[in-house]
Amino acid sequence: MRRPQLSIPSWLPVDGFILALVGTVGLAALLPARGAAAVVADHTSTGAVALLFFLYGARLSTREALAGMRSWRLHLTVLACTFVFFPLLGLAARGLVPYVLTQPLYTGLLFLCLVPSTVQSSIAFTSIARGNVAAAICAGSFSSLVGIVVTPLLAALLLGGDGGGFSARSLVSIVFQLLVPFLAGQLLRRWIGGFITRHKKILGFVDRGSILFVVYSAFSTGMVEGIWHQVSPWQLLSLLGVEAVLLALMLTLTSYGSKKAGFARGDRIAITFAGSKKSLAAGLPMATVLFGGGAGLAVLPLMLFHQMQLMVCAVLAKRYAARAPEEAGAGTTAGAEPVRRGERAEAVGAPGR
């Protein structure tokens, strides 16, 4: 008689990268970098951030991005959701301080509302839902590109002193750690694009490893400074509740708003998944530049929101696919692609870029 095996329900995806992040936070709590080790970790973290954005620039196909300009209404809609409606909801949440959220957690929540949308998971979920995959690719790429400039500017405008003191030095750090590596990757893409494509899996581990190191450095600083005593279990539960409401509002806005705007079904799916999600991979390194030693609490809301959006969007994508027409081609719009079993694993395993 075969023993029953425990398995995770298909509707409840567990992001392996989030598990790695939780383990990294635990390591930082038990063995935080101190003294000379902290200095080395800080410099290494700076290099890791630059490497991440160099790889982002090298991966982004300028030709594909320009080709996607034909769907300018869709891209403007996604950008508006990402950099206008999300920040407005974040500002509205200020009324929850100090009754529901502490000021540090609210700062992290507001920062979450400022980061760009995801790329990989938006594409994968759009494909699973049988939507316009080409539009999701371009929308996610545009959001990431615009976010490199817009996110720091919005942080300077809305976070003010909460952002670790946005100064000329912060601006220089952003330019040299984010913009310069990204532009270097774009310029060198002509020569290294083939190498990047051939070694996609290996460089994916480099991506994840760099992000994990950035998280370790940020949370180590938080442990040494004792900032984690500021968060209680009740406050974490309150934060989760607020983020659940935030995600529900954005999913409703993107889904029903795009329908009212007259978009076709496939485009509505792309808008829903690209316009309601936030990028963990882009947000984490940006936070280390903007918040410095206070990045630990600042990225906590983003980490929680990342896992929540994956779980909810996995269920939503499955429902979209179930309601899709059954005739050949699966989708009703150009750019829709058939779904393969392996794509779901890719969707929930991506680090949210």
Protein backbone atom coordinates (compact mmCIF):
# COMPACT_ATOMS: atom_id res chain seq x y z
CA MET A 1 0.00 0.00 0.00
CA ARG A 2 1.44 3.33 -1.05
CA ARG A 3 1.83 5.94 1.64
CA PRO A 4 -0.02 9.17 1.01
CA GLN A 5 2.35 12.00 0.12
CA LEU A 6 1.95 15.56 1.25
CA SER A 7 1.75 18.06 -1.57
CA ILE A 8 1.06 21.75 -1.92
CA PRO A 9 -2.34 22.49 -3.53
CA SER A 10 -2.02 23.65 -7.14
CA TRP A 11 -3.97 26.81 -6.32
CA LEU A 12 -1.54 27.76 -3.53
CA PRO A 13 1.84 28.51 -5.13
CA VAL A 14 4.83 28.81 -2.86
CA ASP A 15 7.54 31.02 -4.27
CA GLY A 16 10.88 29.29 -3.71
CA PHE A 17 12.66 32.61 -3.94
CA ILE A 18 10.58 33.97 -1.07
CA LEU A 19 11.58 30.93 1.00
CA ALA A 20 15.21 31.74 0.22
CA LEU A 21 14.60 35.35 1.27
CA VAL A 22 13.06 34.21 4.55
CA GLY A 23 16.08 31.99 5.15
CA THR A 24 18.40 34.92 4.41
CA VAL A 25 16.52 37.11 6.88
CA GLY A 26 16.85 34.33 9.48
CA LEU A 27 20.59 34.10 8.80
CA ALA A 28 20.95 37.85 9.23
CA ALA A 29 19.03 37.63 12.52
CA LEU A 30 21.28 34.87 13.87
CA LEU A 31 24.61 35.94 12.33
CA PRO A 32 24.49 39.63 11.39
CA ALA A 33 27.56 41.19 9.82
CA ARG A 34 29.40 43.38 12.34
CA GLY A 35 32.48 45.57 12.33
CA ALA A 36 34.83 44.93 9.42
CA ALA A 37 32.51 42.25 8.06
CA ALA A 38 29.72 44.81 7.88
CA VAL A 39 31.93 47.17 5.87
CA VAL A 40 32.78 44.37 3.42
CA ALA A 41 29.11 43.38 3.19
CA ASP A 42 28.12 46.99 2.48
CA HIS A 43 30.64 47.39 -0.36
CA THR A 44 29.74 43.98 -1.78
CA SER A 45 26.07 44.90 -1.65
CA THR A 46 26.80 48.06 -3.62
CA GLY A 47 28.55 46.01 -6.29
CA ALA A 48 25.69 43.50 -6.34
CA VAL A 49 23.16 46.27 -7.00
CA ALA A 50 25.26 47.60 -9.89
CA LEU A 51 25.57 44.08 -11.33
CA LEU A 52 21.81 43.54 -11.12
CA PHE A 53 21.01 46.67 -13.10
CA PHE A 54 23.75 45.93 -15.63
CA LEU A 55 22.10 42.56 -16.29
CA TYR A 56 18.66 44.21 -16.48
CA GLY A 57 19.96 46.57 -19.14
CA ALA A 58 21.67 43.77 -21.07
CA ARG A 59 18.48 41.68 -21.12
CA LEU A 60 16.06 44.37 -22.25
CA SER A 61 15.62 44.19 -26.01
CA THR A 62 15.42 47.74 -27.35
CA ARG A 63 13.95 46.44 -30.61
CA GLU A 64 11.09 44.65 -28.83
CA ALA A 65 10.41 47.67 -26.65
CA LEU A 66 10.19 49.99 -29.69
CA ALA A 67 7.96 47.50 -31.52
CA GLY A 68 5.59 47.50 -28.59
CA MET A 69 5.03 51.24 -28.87
CA ARG A 70 2.13 50.45 -31.22
CA SER A 71 0.07 49.54 -28.14
CA TRP A 72 0.69 52.91 -26.56
CA ARG A 73 -2.75 53.11 -24.90
CA LEU A 74 -2.14 49.84 -23.08
CA HIS A 75 1.34 50.87 -21.93
CA LEU A 76 0.15 54.26 -20.71
CA THR A 77 -2.61 52.51 -18.77
CA VAL A 78 -0.12 50.17 -17.06
CA LEU A 79 2.24 53.07 -16.29
CA ALA A 80 -0.65 55.08 -14.83
CA CYS A 81 -1.64 52.16 -12.60
CA THR A 82 1.96 51.61 -11.49
CA PHE A 83 3.13 55.18 -10.93
CA VAL A 84 -0.10 57.14 -10.34
CA PHE A 85 -2.89 55.03 -8.80
CA PHE A 86 -0.60 52.88 -6.64
CA PRO A 87 1.12 55.95 -5.10
CA LEU A 88 -2.27 57.64 -4.55
CA LEU A 89 -3.49 54.61 -2.61
CA GLY A 90 -0.21 54.60 -0.69
CA LEU A 91 -0.71 58.24 0.27
CA ALA A 92 -4.28 57.49 1.34
CA ALA A 93 -2.96 54.82 3.70
CA ARG A 94 -1.22 57.54 5.72
CA GLY A 95 -4.46 57.86 7.65
CA LEU A 96 -3.77 54.41 9.13
CA VAL A 97 -0.76 55.76 11.08
CA PRO A 98 -0.40 55.18 14.02
CA TYR A 99 -3.62 53.23 14.62
CA VAL A 100 -3.02 50.34 12.20
CA LEU A 101 0.52 50.87 10.84
CA THR A 102 3.62 52.22 12.50
CA GLN A 103 5.46 55.00 10.70
CA PRO A 104 8.36 52.73 9.55
CA LEU A 105 5.93 50.13 8.15
CA TYR A 106 3.93 52.86 6.42
CA THR A 107 7.12 54.18 4.85
CA GLY A 108 7.82 50.71 3.49
CA LEU A 109 4.23 50.42 2.24
CA LEU A 110 4.48 53.75 0.44
CA PHE A 111 7.82 52.71 -1.09
CA LEU A 112 6.16 49.50 -2.28
CA CYS A 113 3.63 51.64 -4.15
CA LEU A 114 6.44 53.47 -5.99
CA VAL A 115 8.46 50.59 -7.46
CA PRO A 116 7.93 49.38 -11.06
CA SER A 117 5.88 46.42 -12.19
CA THR A 118 7.18 42.89 -12.65
CA VAL A 119 8.31 41.42 -15.97
CA GLN A 120 8.65 37.63 -15.81
CA SER A 121 5.68 36.84 -13.58
CA SER A 122 3.40 39.27 -15.48
CA ILE A 123 4.33 37.52 -18.73
CA ALA A 124 3.87 34.04 -17.28
CA PHE A 125 0.50 34.78 -15.68
CA THR A 126 -0.73 36.50 -18.85
CA SER A 127 0.26 33.41 -20.83
CA ILE A 128 -1.50 31.08 -18.39
CA ALA A 129 -4.64 33.25 -18.62
CA ARG A 130 -4.40 33.19 -22.46
CA GLY A 131 -3.99 36.92 -22.77
CA ASN A 132 -1.84 39.19 -24.93
CA VAL A 133 1.67 38.00 -24.01
CA ALA A 134 3.44 40.40 -26.39
CA ALA A 135 1.74 43.34 -24.68
CA ALA A 136 2.72 42.00 -21.23
CA ILE A 137 6.36 41.74 -22.33
CA CYS A 138 6.46 45.34 -23.53
CA ALA A 139 4.42 46.70 -20.63
CA GLY A 140 6.69 45.07 -18.04
CA SER A 141 9.82 46.23 -19.86
CA PHE A 142 8.57 49.82 -20.13
CA SER A 143 7.62 49.86 -16.46
CA SER A 144 11.08 48.64 -15.42
CA LEU A 145 12.79 51.18 -17.66
CA VAL A 146 10.66 54.11 -16.50
CA GLY A 147 10.95 53.00 -12.87
CA ILE A 148 14.71 53.46 -12.80
CA VAL A 149 14.10 57.20 -13.11
CA VAL A 150 10.56 57.69 -11.78
CA THR A 151 10.79 55.59 -8.59
CA PRO A 152 13.68 57.63 -7.06
CA LEU A 153 11.99 60.88 -8.09
CA LEU A 154 8.69 59.83 -6.51
CA ALA A 155 10.58 58.71 -3.41
CA ALA A 156 12.20 62.13 -3.15
CA LEU A 157 8.83 63.83 -3.55
CA LEU A 158 6.63 61.62 -1.35
CA LEU A 159 8.95 60.04 1.22
CA GLY A 160 10.99 63.12 2.03
CA GLY A 161 12.94 62.62 5.24
CA ASP A 162 11.48 59.12 5.64
CA GLY A 163 13.56 57.94 2.72
CA GLY A 164 16.79 58.19 4.61
CA GLY A 165 17.29 61.80 3.66
CA PHE A 166 17.10 62.18 -0.13
CA SER A 167 20.05 64.40 -0.92
CA ALA A 168 22.52 65.18 -3.68
CA ARG A 169 24.58 62.24 -2.41
CA SER A 170 21.55 59.96 -2.78
CA LEU A 171 21.04 61.22 -6.33
CA VAL A 172 24.67 60.47 -7.19
CA SER A 173 24.32 56.99 -5.71
CA ILE A 174 21.22 56.34 -7.80
CA VAL A 175 22.95 57.51 -10.98
CA PHE A 176 26.09 55.41 -10.46
CA GLN A 177 24.46 52.33 -8.92
CA LEU A 178 21.33 52.13 -11.06
CA LEU A 179 21.35 54.28 -14.19
CA VAL A 180 24.98 53.93 -15.29
CA PRO A 181 25.07 50.10 -15.04
CA PHE A 182 21.70 49.85 -16.78
CA LEU A 183 22.82 52.07 -19.67
CA ALA A 184 26.11 50.16 -19.88
CA GLY A 185 24.15 46.92 -20.23
CA GLN A 186 22.04 48.45 -23.00
CA LEU A 187 25.10 49.73 -24.86
CA LEU A 188 26.92 46.40 -24.59
CA ARG A 189 23.87 44.29 -25.41
CA ARG A 190 24.92 44.17 -29.07
CA TRP A 191 28.05 42.23 -28.12
CA ILE A 192 26.98 40.33 -25.01
CA GLY A 193 23.30 39.70 -25.83
CA GLY A 194 24.05 36.23 -27.21
CA PHE A 195 26.06 35.31 -24.13
CA ILE A 196 23.25 36.53 -21.87
CA THR A 197 20.71 34.41 -23.77
CA ARG A 198 22.88 31.26 -23.83
CA HIS A 199 23.58 31.44 -20.09
CA LYS A 200 20.13 32.59 -18.98
CA LYS A 201 19.77 29.98 -16.24
CA ILE A 202 23.22 30.58 -14.75
CA LEU A 203 22.74 34.35 -14.79
CA GLY A 204 19.35 33.81 -13.14
CA PHE A 205 21.21 32.34 -10.17
CA VAL A 206 23.51 35.37 -10.22
CA ASP A 207 20.41 37.60 -10.07
CA ARG A 208 18.95 35.72 -7.13
CA GLY A 209 22.26 35.46 -5.32
CA SER A 210 22.86 39.19 -5.66
CA ILE A 211 19.41 40.01 -4.31
CA LEU A 212 19.85 37.62 -1.40
CA PHE A 213 23.15 39.27 -0.51
CA VAL A 214 21.53 42.72 -0.66
CA VAL A 215 18.81 41.46 1.70
CA TYR A 216 21.37 39.95 4.09
CA SER A 217 23.32 43.22 4.24
CA ALA A 218 20.18 45.33 4.82
CA PHE A 219 18.72 43.06 7.48
CA SER A 220 22.10 42.68 9.21
CA THR A 221 22.24 46.45 9.64
CA GLY A 222 18.71 46.37 11.03
CA MET A 223 19.62 43.67 13.55
CA VAL A 224 22.70 45.53 14.74
CA GLU A 225 20.68 48.73 15.17
CA GLY A 226 17.83 46.88 16.90
CA ILE A 227 15.06 48.12 14.62
CA TRP A 228 13.22 44.76 14.65
CA HIS A 229 12.01 45.35 18.19
CA GLN A 230 9.69 47.95 16.64
CA VAL A 231 7.50 45.32 14.93
CA SER A 232 5.04 43.08 16.79
CA PRO A 233 3.05 40.10 15.42
CA TRP A 234 -0.12 42.20 15.56
CA GLN A 235 1.53 44.91 13.46
CA LEU A 236 2.61 42.33 10.88
CA LEU A 237 -0.94 40.98 10.66
CA SER A 238 -2.24 44.51 10.25
CA LEU A 239 0.27 45.11 7.46
CA LEU A 240 -0.86 41.94 5.68
CA GLY A 241 -4.47 43.08 5.92
CA VAL A 242 -3.68 46.49 4.48
CA GLU A 243 -1.72 44.92 1.63
CA ALA A 244 -4.57 42.51 0.87
CA VAL A 245 -6.92 45.50 0.50
CA LEU A 246 -4.33 47.31 -1.66
CA LEU A 247 -3.97 44.34 -4.01
CA ALA A 248 -7.75 43.84 -4.23
CA LEU A 249 -8.28 47.49 -5.13
CA MET A 250 -5.61 47.42 -7.86
CA LEU A 251 -6.89 44.15 -9.34
CA THR A 252 -10.39 45.60 -9.43
CA LEU A 253 -9.18 48.86 -10.97
CA THR A 254 -7.09 47.18 -13.67
CA SER A 255 -9.68 44.54 -14.52
CA TYR A 256 -12.88 46.58 -14.60
CA GLY A 257 -11.18 49.83 -15.58
CA SER A 258 -9.59 48.30 -18.68
CA LYS A 259 -12.96 46.77 -19.63
CA LYS A 260 -14.69 50.15 -19.33
CA ALA A 261 -11.89 51.68 -21.43
CA GLY A 262 -12.77 49.32 -24.28
CA PHE A 263 -9.69 47.09 -24.35
CA ALA A 264 -9.97 43.63 -25.92
CA ARG A 265 -9.94 40.57 -23.65
CA GLY A 266 -6.28 39.71 -24.19
CA ASP A 267 -5.18 43.29 -23.54
CA ARG A 268 -7.33 43.46 -20.38
CA ILE A 269 -5.56 40.39 -19.04
CA ALA A 270 -2.15 41.93 -19.72
CA ILE A 271 -3.19 45.17 -18.01
CA THR A 272 -4.57 43.30 -15.01
CA PHE A 273 -1.38 41.35 -14.35
CA ALA A 274 1.16 44.03 -15.32
CA GLY A 275 -0.68 46.91 -13.66
CA SER A 276 -1.45 45.29 -10.29
CA LYS A 277 1.94 43.86 -9.34
CA LYS A 278 5.22 45.21 -8.00
CA SER A 279 8.78 44.06 -8.68
CA LEU A 280 10.70 42.61 -5.77
CA ALA A 281 13.89 42.28 -7.81
CA ALA A 282 13.88 45.97 -8.78
CA GLY A 283 12.57 47.27 -5.46
CA LEU A 284 15.09 45.59 -3.15
CA PRO A 285 18.25 47.13 -4.65
CA MET A 286 16.54 50.51 -5.00
CA ALA A 287 15.65 50.41 -1.31
CA THR A 288 19.27 49.86 -0.29
CA VAL A 289 20.25 52.99 -2.21
CA LEU A 290 17.37 55.13 -0.95
CA PHE A 291 17.15 53.97 2.67
CA GLY A 292 20.68 52.84 3.47
CA GLY A 293 20.79 51.26 6.92
CA GLY A 294 17.01 51.53 7.29
CA ALA A 295 16.30 49.34 4.27
CA GLY A 296 15.37 46.32 6.41
CA LEU A 297 11.93 47.48 7.54
CA ALA A 298 11.44 49.40 4.30
CA VAL A 299 11.52 46.25 2.14
CA LEU A 300 9.44 44.06 4.48
CA PRO A 301 6.09 45.24 3.01
CA LEU A 302 7.41 44.62 -0.51
CA MET A 303 8.52 41.07 0.35
CA LEU A 304 5.10 40.24 1.83
CA PHE A 305 3.22 41.85 -1.07
CA HIS A 306 5.32 39.90 -3.57
CA GLN A 307 4.25 36.53 -2.21
CA MET A 308 0.64 37.66 -1.84
CA GLN A 309 0.42 38.85 -5.45
CA LEU A 310 1.83 35.55 -6.74
CA MET A 311 -0.71 33.49 -4.82
CA VAL A 312 -3.69 35.63 -5.79
CA CYS A 313 -2.68 36.07 -9.44
CA ALA A 314 -2.09 32.32 -9.85
CA VAL A 315 -5.72 31.68 -8.89
CA LEU A 316 -6.92 34.56 -11.05
CA ALA A 317 -4.94 33.40 -14.10
CA LYS A 318 -6.41 29.92 -13.78
CA ARG A 319 -9.94 31.34 -13.73
CA TYR A 320 -9.25 33.51 -16.77
CA ALA A 321 -7.96 30.43 -18.63
CA ALA A 322 -11.06 28.42 -17.67
CA ARG A 323 -13.31 31.09 -19.14
CA ALA A 324 -11.27 31.41 -22.35
CA PRO A 325 -12.74 30.21 -25.67
CA GLU A 326 -11.96 26.56 -26.38
CA GLU A 327 -11.43 26.85 -30.11
CA ALA A 328 -7.98 26.42 -31.67
CA GLY A 329 -5.52 29.11 -30.75
CA ALA A 330 -6.90 29.32 -27.20
CA GLY A 331 -6.85 33.13 -27.11
CA THR A 332 -9.02 35.74 -28.76
CA THR A 333 -6.33 38.35 -29.30
CA ALA A 334 -3.08 38.59 -31.15
CA GLY A 335 -0.11 37.73 -29.05
CA ALA A 336 -1.87 35.11 -26.95
CA GLU A 337 0.06 31.89 -26.57
CA PRO A 338 -0.93 28.35 -25.60
CA VAL A 339 -0.07 27.32 -22.07
CA ARG A 340 2.36 24.57 -21.23
CA ARG A 341 2.55 22.84 -17.86
CA GLY A 342 6.05 24.14 -17.20
CA GLU A 343 5.03 27.77 -17.55
CA ARG A 344 3.20 27.75 -14.22
CA ALA A 345 6.34 26.75 -12.38
CA GLU A 346 8.20 29.56 -14.11
CA ALA A 347 5.55 32.02 -13.02
CA VAL A 348 5.73 31.26 -9.32
CA GLY A 349 9.49 30.78 -9.25
CA ALA A 350 10.54 34.09 -10.74
CA PRO A 351 11.88 36.71 -8.35
CA GLY A 352 9.25 39.19 -9.40
CA ARG A 353 11.14 41.29 -11.87
